[in-house]
């Protein structure tokens, strides 16, 4: 038994093609017919987080660099960067490590002096970066990380 995802393309309400993707998201050859024991889903698999692009975007983001320098909790910055930087070169971060990433990020944010708190534009930029890289988190109105 295998799991496949069905993608159907319609034009003007008429089905013009059906493609099956395996569980890795790779399309099957033209004319592929699943077995009766296979599981077919019309919901595609979720995209895996793209840590390499996330890291590149954040390391060049002025808001991130500002808070990384301004926080009173520099240990949280070094721990966060120690965890996430290698993720861009490996298979990412294991789901069980997301709470640790969140804890480090939130310590950075809560360690900011009152006059250096995050602003709405920075949060919007971080949410756009996280969304574009298919991260399993977003940032709330205080700049803290929310796991999704």
Protein backbone atom coordinates (compact mmCIF):
# COMPACT_ATOMS: atom_id res chain seq x y z
CA UNK A 1 0.00 0.00 0.00
CA UNK A 2 1.24 3.47 -0.89
CA UNK A 3 -0.07 6.99 -0.36
CA UNK A 4 -0.61 9.25 -3.37
CA UNK A 5 -1.93 12.78 -3.72
CA UNK A 6 -4.23 13.52 -6.65
CA UNK A 7 -3.95 16.85 -8.43
CA UNK A 8 -6.69 17.61 -10.91
CA UNK A 9 -6.55 20.47 -13.39
CA UNK A 10 -9.82 21.91 -14.64
CA UNK A 11 -10.42 24.37 -17.46
CA UNK A 12 -13.85 25.99 -17.76
CA UNK A 13 -15.23 23.36 -15.39
CA UNK A 14 -13.88 20.44 -17.46
CA UNK A 15 -11.28 18.05 -16.07
CA UNK A 16 -8.30 18.19 -18.42
CA UNK A 17 -5.64 16.26 -16.47
CA UNK A 18 -5.01 14.23 -13.34
CA UNK A 19 -1.56 13.85 -11.84
CA UNK A 20 -0.59 11.65 -8.92
CA UNK A 21 2.20 12.64 -6.55
CA UNK A 22 3.93 10.18 -4.26
CA UNK A 23 4.37 10.94 -0.55
CA UNK A 24 7.61 12.83 -1.36
CA UNK A 25 5.70 15.16 -3.73
CA UNK A 26 7.21 13.68 -6.90
CA UNK A 27 4.84 13.24 -9.86
CA UNK A 28 4.19 9.75 -11.15
CA UNK A 29 4.68 8.91 -14.85
CA UNK A 30 1.92 9.71 -17.34
CA UNK A 31 -0.64 6.92 -17.42
CA UNK A 32 0.04 5.91 -13.80
CA UNK A 33 -2.90 4.15 -12.17
CA UNK A 34 -2.88 3.57 -8.41
CA UNK A 35 -3.65 0.13 -7.04
CA UNK A 36 -6.96 -0.50 -5.30
CA UNK A 37 -5.05 -0.87 -2.00
CA UNK A 38 -3.37 2.56 -2.35
CA UNK A 39 -4.61 5.52 -0.38
CA UNK A 40 -5.53 8.52 -2.53
CA UNK A 41 -5.84 12.01 -1.09
CA UNK A 42 -6.68 15.25 -2.84
CA UNK A 43 -4.84 17.19 -0.14
CA UNK A 44 -1.21 17.71 -1.14
CA UNK A 45 1.54 17.12 1.40
CA UNK A 46 2.62 20.23 3.29
CA UNK A 47 5.81 21.96 2.22
CA UNK A 48 8.78 21.29 4.46
CA UNK A 49 10.25 24.32 6.23
CA UNK A 50 13.01 25.91 4.16
CA UNK A 51 15.54 26.71 6.88
CA UNK A 52 18.24 27.82 4.43
CA UNK A 53 16.07 30.59 2.96
CA UNK A 54 14.68 31.50 6.35
CA UNK A 55 18.21 31.89 7.77
CA UNK A 56 19.41 33.96 4.81
CA UNK A 57 16.43 36.28 5.03
CA UNK A 58 16.61 36.73 8.80
CA UNK A 59 20.36 37.27 8.98
CA UNK A 60 20.03 40.16 6.51
CA UNK A 61 16.85 41.57 8.11
CA UNK A 62 17.48 44.93 9.80
CA UNK A 63 14.83 44.28 12.45
CA UNK A 64 16.36 40.98 13.48
CA UNK A 65 19.84 42.48 13.58
CA UNK A 66 18.56 45.40 15.62
CA UNK A 67 16.97 43.22 18.31
CA UNK A 68 19.86 40.74 18.31
CA UNK A 69 22.19 43.62 19.17
CA UNK A 70 19.81 45.45 21.54
CA UNK A 71 18.59 42.58 23.73
CA UNK A 72 20.04 42.28 27.18
CA UNK A 73 19.94 38.50 26.78
CA UNK A 74 22.88 37.93 24.42
CA UNK A 75 23.09 34.30 25.54
CA UNK A 76 19.65 33.68 24.00
CA UNK A 77 20.88 35.17 20.70
CA UNK A 78 23.92 32.91 20.57
CA UNK A 79 21.87 29.85 21.54
CA UNK A 80 19.19 30.59 18.94
CA UNK A 81 21.75 31.09 16.18
CA UNK A 82 23.60 27.93 17.27
CA UNK A 83 20.38 25.95 16.87
CA UNK A 84 18.99 27.40 13.64
CA UNK A 85 22.09 28.14 11.55
CA UNK A 86 23.04 24.47 10.97
CA UNK A 87 19.39 23.74 10.11
CA UNK A 88 19.92 25.50 6.77
CA UNK A 89 22.59 22.95 5.86
CA UNK A 90 20.96 19.83 7.29
CA UNK A 91 17.44 18.42 7.19
CA UNK A 92 16.10 21.27 9.33
CA UNK A 93 14.98 21.13 12.91
CA UNK A 94 13.20 18.21 14.50
CA UNK A 95 9.64 19.03 15.64
CA UNK A 96 10.62 18.37 19.25
CA UNK A 97 13.15 21.24 19.05
CA UNK A 98 10.63 23.93 18.05
CA UNK A 99 9.76 24.75 21.70
CA UNK A 100 13.48 25.38 22.34
CA UNK A 101 13.69 27.70 19.32
CA UNK A 102 10.56 29.50 20.57
CA UNK A 103 11.99 29.84 24.08
CA UNK A 104 15.25 31.35 22.80
CA UNK A 105 13.42 33.77 20.49
CA UNK A 106 11.03 34.86 23.22
CA UNK A 107 13.95 35.44 25.62
CA UNK A 108 15.52 37.73 23.02
CA UNK A 109 12.29 39.71 22.67
CA UNK A 110 11.60 39.94 26.42
CA UNK A 111 15.21 41.01 26.97
CA UNK A 112 14.77 44.16 24.90
CA UNK A 113 14.92 47.47 26.80
CA UNK A 114 11.65 49.39 26.74
CA UNK A 115 12.84 51.86 24.10
CA UNK A 116 13.98 49.04 21.79
CA UNK A 117 10.80 46.94 21.68
CA UNK A 118 9.85 45.40 18.32
CA UNK A 119 7.54 47.34 16.03
CA UNK A 120 4.70 46.33 13.73
CA UNK A 121 6.79 46.68 10.55
CA UNK A 122 9.46 44.31 11.92
CA UNK A 123 6.85 41.77 12.96
CA UNK A 124 5.19 41.95 9.53
CA UNK A 125 8.57 41.39 7.85
CA UNK A 126 9.34 38.38 10.07
CA UNK A 127 5.90 36.90 9.40
CA UNK A 128 6.44 37.33 5.65
CA UNK A 129 9.84 35.62 5.90
CA UNK A 130 8.42 32.77 7.99
CA UNK A 131 5.47 32.30 5.64
CA UNK A 132 7.63 32.31 2.50
CA UNK A 133 9.91 29.68 4.04
CA UNK A 134 6.99 27.49 5.22
CA UNK A 135 8.02 27.79 8.86
CA UNK A 136 5.90 26.13 11.53
CA UNK A 137 5.60 29.36 13.47
CA UNK A 138 4.60 33.00 13.19
CA UNK A 139 5.14 36.10 15.31
CA UNK A 140 2.46 37.74 17.46
CA UNK A 141 1.85 41.45 18.00
CA UNK A 142 4.52 41.53 20.73
CA UNK A 143 7.09 39.89 18.44
CA UNK A 144 7.00 36.60 20.33
CA UNK A 145 7.00 33.32 18.42
CA UNK A 146 3.78 31.32 18.11
CA UNK A 147 4.08 27.67 17.06
CA UNK A 148 1.52 26.58 14.47
